[in-house]
N, C-alpha and C. Protein backbone atom coordinates (compact mmCIF):
# COMPACT_ATOMS: atom_id res chain seq x y z
N MET A 1 153.93 77.99 127.15
CA MET A 1 154.78 76.73 126.50
C MET A 1 153.53 76.40 127.53
N LYS A 2 152.81 76.60 128.66
CA LYS A 2 152.03 75.64 129.48
C LYS A 2 151.08 75.69 128.76
N ARG A 3 150.53 75.87 127.84
CA ARG A 3 149.37 75.77 127.06
C ARG A 3 149.59 74.46 126.02
N MET A 4 150.73 74.47 125.86
CA MET A 4 151.39 73.52 124.85
C MET A 4 151.54 72.23 125.65
N ILE A 5 151.63 72.12 126.88
CA ILE A 5 152.07 71.14 128.16
C ILE A 5 150.66 70.63 128.05
N PHE A 6 149.56 71.56 128.49
CA PHE A 6 147.94 70.69 128.46
C PHE A 6 147.82 70.48 127.38
N VAL A 7 147.83 70.90 126.15
CA VAL A 7 147.38 70.65 124.81
C VAL A 7 147.84 68.71 124.77
N PHE A 8 149.00 68.17 124.85
CA PHE A 8 149.32 67.09 124.59
C PHE A 8 149.22 66.22 125.81
N CYS A 9 148.95 66.86 127.14
CA CYS A 9 148.64 66.15 127.49
C CYS A 9 146.83 65.66 127.64
N PHE A 10 146.33 66.83 127.08
CA PHE A 10 144.99 66.13 126.86
C PHE A 10 144.91 65.47 125.90
N ILE A 11 145.08 65.73 124.90
CA ILE A 11 146.14 64.36 123.87
C ILE A 11 146.02 63.33 123.92
N PHE A 12 146.99 63.14 124.70
CA PHE A 12 147.26 61.85 125.58
C PHE A 12 146.68 60.63 126.36
N LEU A 13 145.57 61.84 127.03
CA LEU A 13 144.84 61.38 127.92
C LEU A 13 143.70 61.21 126.82
N PHE A 14 142.86 61.50 125.74
CA PHE A 14 141.98 61.38 124.86
C PHE A 14 142.64 59.82 123.79
N ILE A 15 143.51 59.80 123.58
CA ILE A 15 143.87 58.27 123.08
C ILE A 15 144.09 57.05 124.40
N PHE A 16 144.42 57.46 124.97
CA PHE A 16 144.74 56.46 126.20
C PHE A 16 143.23 55.90 126.64
N ILE A 17 141.74 57.26 126.63
CA ILE A 17 140.56 56.83 127.03
C ILE A 17 140.33 55.85 125.77
N SER A 18 140.25 56.58 124.68
CA SER A 18 140.23 55.79 123.58
C SER A 18 140.13 54.16 123.50
N PHE A 19 141.40 53.71 123.45
CA PHE A 19 142.30 52.67 123.13
C PHE A 19 142.02 51.61 123.95
N SER A 20 142.30 51.88 125.74
CA SER A 20 141.76 50.92 126.85
C SER A 20 140.65 50.87 126.92
N GLN A 21 139.65 50.85 126.22
CA GLN A 21 138.33 50.15 126.00
C GLN A 21 138.21 48.77 125.53
N GLU A 22 139.46 48.65 124.33
CA GLU A 22 139.41 47.31 124.20
C GLU A 22 139.85 46.26 124.96
N THR A 23 139.83 45.06 125.03
CA THR A 23 140.28 44.29 125.98
C THR A 23 140.56 42.99 125.34
N LEU A 24 141.51 42.81 125.55
CA LEU A 24 142.28 41.55 124.60
C LEU A 24 142.14 40.27 125.42
N ASN A 25 142.95 39.23 124.72
CA ASN A 25 142.53 37.79 125.10
C ASN A 25 143.84 37.57 125.85
N ASP A 26 144.09 37.06 127.05
CA ASP A 26 145.08 36.72 126.95
C ASP A 26 146.40 37.83 127.36
N ASN A 27 147.01 37.77 126.89
CA ASN A 27 148.28 37.92 126.39
C ASN A 27 148.89 37.98 124.89
N GLU A 28 147.80 38.38 124.52
CA GLU A 28 147.74 38.87 122.64
C GLU A 28 148.49 40.56 122.72
N TRP A 29 148.98 41.57 123.79
CA TRP A 29 149.41 42.16 123.40
C TRP A 29 151.16 42.66 123.52
N LYS A 30 150.85 40.94 123.93
CA LYS A 30 152.26 40.66 123.90
C LYS A 30 153.57 40.38 122.80
N ASN A 31 152.33 39.64 121.88
CA ASN A 31 152.51 38.91 120.88
C ASN A 31 152.48 39.84 119.12
N LYS A 32 153.25 40.88 119.07
CA LYS A 32 152.97 42.01 117.92
C LYS A 32 154.06 42.13 117.49
N ARG A 33 153.79 42.67 116.03
CA ARG A 33 155.19 42.72 115.13
C ARG A 33 155.69 44.30 115.14
N ILE A 34 154.90 45.15 115.16
CA ILE A 34 154.79 46.56 115.33
C ILE A 34 154.83 47.59 116.70
N TYR A 35 155.06 48.16 117.27
CA TYR A 35 154.64 48.90 118.61
C TYR A 35 154.84 50.42 118.22
N THR A 36 153.31 50.97 118.22
CA THR A 36 153.63 52.84 118.38
C THR A 36 153.46 53.08 120.12
N HIS A 37 154.15 54.54 120.15
CA HIS A 37 153.76 55.27 121.45
C HIS A 37 153.91 56.54 120.89
N THR A 38 153.60 56.98 121.99
CA THR A 38 153.38 58.74 122.55
C THR A 38 153.90 58.69 123.59
N TRP A 39 154.61 59.57 123.86
CA TRP A 39 155.09 60.19 125.50
C TRP A 39 155.17 61.62 125.60
N VAL A 40 154.65 61.80 126.67
CA VAL A 40 155.25 63.32 126.91
C VAL A 40 155.76 63.39 128.42
N GLY A 41 157.29 64.27 128.89
CA GLY A 41 157.61 64.32 129.84
C GLY A 41 158.37 65.73 130.25
N TYR A 42 158.75 66.14 131.00
CA TYR A 42 159.45 67.15 131.43
C TYR A 42 160.77 66.73 132.24
N GLY A 43 161.55 67.46 132.45
CA GLY A 43 162.84 67.34 132.98
C GLY A 43 163.81 68.85 132.43
N SER A 44 164.80 68.62 131.67
CA SER A 44 165.72 69.33 131.52
C SER A 44 165.06 70.20 130.06
N GLY A 45 163.60 70.43 130.19
CA GLY A 45 162.82 70.89 129.13
C GLY A 45 161.47 70.02 128.73
N PHE A 46 160.69 70.69 128.17
CA PHE A 46 159.22 69.96 128.32
C PHE A 46 159.91 68.94 126.76
N SER A 47 159.56 67.68 127.19
CA SER A 47 159.53 66.78 125.65
C SER A 47 158.56 65.78 125.49
N PHE A 48 158.49 65.36 124.25
CA PHE A 48 157.47 64.76 123.71
C PHE A 48 158.16 63.64 122.68
N GLY A 49 157.27 62.61 122.87
CA GLY A 49 158.02 61.90 121.69
C GLY A 49 156.52 60.72 121.00
N VAL A 50 156.76 61.02 119.58
CA VAL A 50 155.92 59.66 118.41
C VAL A 50 156.62 58.74 117.76
N GLY A 51 156.88 57.10 118.40
CA GLY A 51 157.48 56.55 117.71
C GLY A 51 156.49 55.02 117.17
N ALA A 52 158.08 54.50 116.29
CA ALA A 52 157.70 53.24 116.67
C ALA A 52 158.61 52.34 116.54
N ASP A 53 158.32 50.61 117.12
CA ASP A 53 159.60 49.70 117.25
C ASP A 53 159.11 48.38 116.55
N ALA A 54 159.80 47.20 115.54
CA ALA A 54 159.69 46.85 115.29
C ALA A 54 160.37 45.37 115.63
N GLN A 55 159.44 44.57 116.54
CA GLN A 55 159.68 43.61 117.27
C GLN A 55 160.78 42.63 116.09
N LEU A 56 161.82 42.64 116.46
CA LEU A 56 162.52 41.62 115.37
C LEU A 56 162.39 40.19 116.08
N PHE A 57 162.85 40.29 117.46
CA PHE A 57 163.14 38.65 118.19
C PHE A 57 161.90 39.06 119.65
N GLU A 58 161.88 37.82 119.94
CA GLU A 58 160.98 38.05 121.57
C GLU A 58 161.80 38.93 122.46
N TYR A 59 162.62 39.31 122.78
CA TYR A 59 163.26 39.92 123.42
C TYR A 59 164.07 41.93 122.41
N PHE A 60 163.89 41.56 121.65
CA PHE A 60 164.48 42.60 120.49
C PHE A 60 164.13 43.29 119.77
N SER A 61 164.10 44.67 119.96
CA SER A 61 163.24 45.21 119.13
C SER A 61 164.50 46.59 118.24
N LEU A 62 163.63 46.98 116.99
CA LEU A 62 164.23 48.01 116.85
C LEU A 62 163.91 49.47 116.95
N GLY A 63 164.42 50.44 117.39
CA GLY A 63 162.86 51.70 117.82
C GLY A 63 163.51 52.97 116.52
N LEU A 64 162.40 53.84 116.24
CA LEU A 64 162.44 54.88 115.68
C LEU A 64 161.51 55.82 116.31
N GLU A 65 162.08 57.03 116.34
CA GLU A 65 160.97 57.77 117.26
C GLU A 65 161.61 59.86 116.89
N SER A 66 160.58 60.42 117.21
CA SER A 66 160.46 61.73 116.80
C SER A 66 160.14 62.31 117.20
N GLY A 67 160.91 63.36 117.92
CA GLY A 67 159.89 64.57 118.96
C GLY A 67 160.73 65.63 118.94
N LEU A 68 160.53 66.16 120.57
CA LEU A 68 161.26 67.39 121.04
C LEU A 68 162.17 67.10 122.29
N VAL A 69 163.50 67.63 122.60
CA VAL A 69 164.28 66.90 122.97
C VAL A 69 164.48 68.15 124.03
N GLY A 70 165.45 68.00 125.33
CA GLY A 70 165.91 69.42 125.90
C GLY A 70 165.19 70.63 125.88
N GLU A 71 165.72 71.27 125.29
CA GLU A 71 165.42 72.67 125.25
C GLU A 71 164.50 72.79 124.48
N ASN A 72 163.45 71.93 123.42
CA ASN A 72 162.42 72.14 122.47
C ASN A 72 163.06 72.29 121.16
N ASP A 73 164.22 71.05 121.57
CA ASP A 73 165.05 71.29 119.87
C ASP A 73 164.33 70.11 119.05
N PRO A 74 164.13 69.81 118.19
CA PRO A 74 163.31 68.59 117.29
C PRO A 74 164.82 67.51 117.08
N ALA A 75 164.36 66.22 117.37
CA ALA A 75 164.73 65.59 116.90
C ALA A 75 164.68 64.14 116.46
N ILE A 76 165.59 63.33 116.21
CA ILE A 76 164.73 61.79 115.34
C ILE A 76 166.09 60.65 115.85
N SER A 77 165.40 59.70 116.72
CA SER A 77 166.52 58.76 117.23
C SER A 77 165.76 57.44 116.64
N ILE A 78 167.29 56.56 116.78
CA ILE A 78 167.17 55.47 116.68
C ILE A 78 167.76 54.52 117.52
N PHE A 79 167.11 53.57 117.73
CA PHE A 79 167.63 53.06 119.35
C PHE A 79 167.32 51.73 118.57
N PRO A 80 168.02 50.60 119.16
CA PRO A 80 168.04 49.24 119.88
C PRO A 80 167.11 49.31 121.13
N LYS A 81 166.37 48.07 121.08
CA LYS A 81 165.45 48.43 122.76
C LYS A 81 165.83 46.53 123.10
N PHE A 82 166.09 46.03 124.63
CA PHE A 82 165.62 45.24 125.14
C PHE A 82 164.27 44.81 126.03
N THR A 83 163.45 44.23 125.53
CA THR A 83 161.80 44.56 126.15
C THR A 83 161.91 43.20 126.84
N PHE A 84 161.82 43.36 127.99
CA PHE A 84 161.23 41.72 128.92
C PHE A 84 159.45 42.08 129.24
N ARG A 85 158.08 41.17 128.21
CA ARG A 85 157.18 41.15 128.96
C ARG A 85 156.89 40.32 129.96
N PRO A 86 157.02 40.50 131.43
CA PRO A 86 157.07 39.31 132.71
C PRO A 86 155.29 39.58 132.81
N TRP A 87 154.35 38.52 133.07
CA TRP A 87 152.82 38.86 133.44
C TRP A 87 151.79 40.47 132.93
N ASN A 88 151.48 41.05 133.26
CA ASN A 88 150.81 42.28 132.28
C ASN A 88 151.84 43.27 132.52
N MET A 89 153.48 43.31 132.71
CA MET A 89 153.85 44.25 132.86
C MET A 89 154.82 44.29 131.98
N GLU A 90 155.91 45.51 131.17
CA GLU A 90 156.52 45.59 130.67
C GLU A 90 157.73 46.21 130.86
N ILE A 91 159.22 45.85 130.46
CA ILE A 91 160.33 46.18 130.90
C ILE A 91 161.08 46.51 129.84
N SER A 92 161.69 47.91 129.45
CA SER A 92 162.23 47.94 127.85
C SER A 92 163.85 49.12 128.20
N ALA A 93 164.72 48.51 127.92
CA ALA A 93 166.25 49.37 127.91
C ALA A 93 166.84 49.49 126.71
N TYR A 94 166.82 50.69 126.64
CA TYR A 94 167.46 51.15 125.47
C TYR A 94 168.79 52.09 125.45
N ALA A 95 169.55 52.13 124.29
CA ALA A 95 170.40 52.84 124.02
C ALA A 95 170.36 53.13 122.85
N GLY A 96 171.02 54.43 121.86
CA GLY A 96 171.03 54.62 120.16
C GLY A 96 171.63 56.36 120.22
N VAL A 97 171.25 56.24 118.89
CA VAL A 97 171.79 57.69 118.58
C VAL A 97 170.62 58.52 118.13
N SER A 98 171.00 59.86 118.38
CA SER A 98 169.91 60.77 117.91
C SER A 98 170.51 62.11 117.38
N PHE A 99 169.33 62.30 116.64
CA PHE A 99 170.11 63.62 115.67
C PHE A 99 169.22 64.77 115.37
N GLY A 100 169.51 65.95 115.76
CA GLY A 100 168.68 66.64 115.91
C GLY A 100 168.95 68.22 115.58
N TYR A 101 168.42 69.35 115.61
CA TYR A 101 168.37 70.95 114.69
C TYR A 101 168.42 71.85 116.43
N SER A 102 169.31 72.80 116.64
CA SER A 102 169.22 73.49 117.74
C SER A 102 169.32 74.83 117.00
N THR A 103 168.66 75.79 117.68
CA THR A 103 168.98 77.24 116.81
C THR A 103 170.25 77.89 117.77
N THR A 104 170.81 77.26 118.61
CA THR A 104 171.68 77.67 119.37
C THR A 104 172.84 77.02 118.38
N TYR A 105 173.23 75.71 118.08
CA TYR A 105 174.67 75.57 117.47
C TYR A 105 173.88 74.39 115.90
N ASP A 106 172.82 74.95 115.84
CA ASP A 106 172.97 74.10 114.19
C ASP A 106 172.34 72.75 114.34
N PHE A 107 173.64 72.00 114.10
CA PHE A 107 173.07 70.41 113.88
C PHE A 107 173.43 69.77 115.45
N ILE A 108 172.89 69.07 115.88
CA ILE A 108 173.15 68.38 117.38
C ILE A 108 173.03 66.81 116.85
N TRP A 109 174.18 66.37 118.31
CA TRP A 109 173.75 64.53 118.05
C TRP A 109 173.78 63.95 119.52
N GLY A 110 173.40 63.56 120.19
CA GLY A 110 173.90 62.69 121.29
C GLY A 110 173.58 61.32 121.09
N ILE A 111 173.64 60.44 122.38
CA ILE A 111 173.68 59.33 122.58
C ILE A 111 172.08 59.18 123.48
N PRO A 112 170.71 59.36 123.21
CA PRO A 112 169.76 58.72 123.93
C PRO A 112 169.75 57.52 125.20
N TYR A 113 169.43 57.23 125.92
CA TYR A 113 169.15 55.73 126.61
C TYR A 113 168.40 56.67 127.64
N GLY A 114 167.59 54.66 127.79
CA GLY A 114 166.48 55.14 129.01
C GLY A 114 165.93 53.74 129.51
N LEU A 115 164.78 54.06 130.03
CA LEU A 115 164.42 52.73 130.76
C LEU A 115 162.67 52.83 131.10
N ASP A 116 161.92 52.16 130.53
CA ASP A 116 160.50 52.33 130.28
C ASP A 116 159.58 51.13 131.27
N VAL A 117 158.96 51.45 131.97
CA VAL A 117 158.79 50.54 133.16
C VAL A 117 156.79 50.53 132.59
N GLY A 118 156.13 49.34 132.05
CA GLY A 118 154.52 49.79 131.88
C GLY A 118 153.85 49.08 132.72
N TYR A 119 152.65 48.95 132.11
CA TYR A 119 151.43 47.82 132.55
C TYR A 119 150.41 47.88 131.75
N ASN A 120 150.10 46.59 131.22
CA ASN A 120 148.95 46.46 130.53
C ASN A 120 147.60 47.12 130.51
N ILE A 121 146.88 47.99 130.01
CA ILE A 121 146.03 48.56 130.22
C ILE A 121 144.80 48.53 128.87
N GLY A 122 143.95 48.04 128.80
CA GLY A 122 143.68 47.80 127.46
C GLY A 122 143.83 47.42 126.37
N SER A 123 144.47 47.26 125.44
CA SER A 123 144.69 47.17 124.42
C SER A 123 146.88 47.32 123.91
N GLY A 124 146.83 48.21 125.17
CA GLY A 124 148.36 48.49 125.08
C GLY A 124 148.72 48.44 126.78
N ILE A 125 150.06 49.29 126.72
CA ILE A 125 150.95 49.56 127.95
C ILE A 125 151.02 50.72 128.10
N LEU A 126 150.62 51.49 129.45
CA LEU A 126 150.29 52.54 129.62
C LEU A 126 152.08 52.78 130.68
N PHE A 127 152.86 53.72 129.95
CA PHE A 127 154.37 52.97 130.84
C PHE A 127 154.77 54.16 131.45
N VAL A 128 155.80 54.66 132.28
CA VAL A 128 156.78 55.59 132.56
C VAL A 128 158.05 55.46 132.37
N THR A 129 159.03 56.71 131.68
CA THR A 129 159.74 56.27 130.91
C THR A 129 160.76 57.39 132.32
N LEU A 130 162.04 56.89 131.82
CA LEU A 130 162.63 57.75 132.41
C LEU A 130 164.42 57.82 131.60
N ARG A 131 164.41 58.89 130.48
CA ARG A 131 165.38 59.04 129.36
C ARG A 131 166.20 60.06 129.67
N SER A 132 167.96 59.90 129.18
CA SER A 132 168.47 61.19 129.58
C SER A 132 169.75 60.69 127.28
N GLY A 133 170.76 61.90 127.56
CA GLY A 133 171.22 61.55 126.39
C GLY A 133 171.35 62.95 125.68
N MET A 134 170.17 63.88 125.07
CA MET A 134 170.23 64.82 124.21
C MET A 134 169.28 65.63 125.29
N GLY A 135 169.32 65.76 126.73
CA GLY A 135 168.67 66.36 128.52
C GLY A 135 167.78 64.93 128.06
N TRP A 136 167.83 65.47 130.14
CA TRP A 136 167.26 64.09 130.35
C TRP A 136 165.75 64.57 130.62
N ALA A 137 164.60 63.52 130.98
CA ALA A 137 162.91 63.71 130.61
C ALA A 137 162.22 62.16 131.55
N VAL A 138 161.69 62.73 132.30
CA VAL A 138 160.76 61.81 132.86
C VAL A 138 159.67 62.09 132.35
N GLY A 139 158.78 61.09 132.09
CA GLY A 139 157.80 61.09 131.05
C GLY A 139 156.22 59.90 131.51
N ILE A 140 155.46 60.06 130.83
CA ILE A 140 154.27 58.97 130.83
C ILE A 140 154.10 59.01 129.16
N GLY A 141 153.63 57.55 129.17
CA GLY A 141 153.15 57.88 127.65
C GLY A 141 152.24 55.85 127.35
N TYR A 142 151.54 55.84 126.17
CA TYR A 142 150.79 54.73 125.93
C TYR A 142 151.47 54.24 124.50
N ARG A 143 151.75 52.65 124.90
CA ARG A 143 152.24 51.84 123.98
C ARG A 143 151.19 50.51 123.21
N MET A 144 151.19 50.74 121.91
CA MET A 144 150.08 50.25 121.26
C MET A 144 150.85 48.80 120.16
N GLY A 145 149.85 47.63 120.19
CA GLY A 145 150.85 47.22 119.33
C GLY A 145 149.96 46.55 118.23
N PHE A 146 150.84 45.99 116.73
CA PHE A 146 149.83 45.93 115.92
C PHE A 146 150.34 44.48 114.65
N LEU A 147 149.54 44.03 114.26
CA LEU A 147 150.28 43.04 113.24
C LEU A 147 150.76 42.18 114.21
N ALA A 148 150.01 40.84 114.32
CA ALA A 148 150.03 40.14 115.00
C ALA A 148 150.79 38.64 114.70
N ARG A 149 152.06 38.36 115.68
CA ARG A 149 153.18 37.43 115.27
C ARG A 149 152.46 35.75 115.69
N ASN A 150 152.55 34.85 114.77
CA ASN A 150 152.08 33.70 115.21
C ASN A 150 153.42 32.95 116.00
């Protein structure tokens, strides 16, 4: 388990360093249609996630995420997000539904909710996440945007 945490932290650091070298003009990072992210964390067990958010309106997006939650149970989550991007920061609050598989209970589901607080570094956002629903976790991640909105 410790090796797996080390590997994910190393991958996260590599991605962060690779993408943080590019700088964008002013607030280009705020005006994207699709945001992808990855995060790792620990709480009621090792957790990590990889996901994408479709920015539908200025403050509203719809997210899809896959990862490990709770006691390393694989899960897929769908959630609406309310995202505010003042200055060089990003604050996201979300809640949704999650479906997964557990070796103990077979099919499981939950209502994940959480808060992300991030700061613009390079071409994306380095964020800290606090989440709960199918086990709780505190983590760190990086989010990048693609496809500019006009």
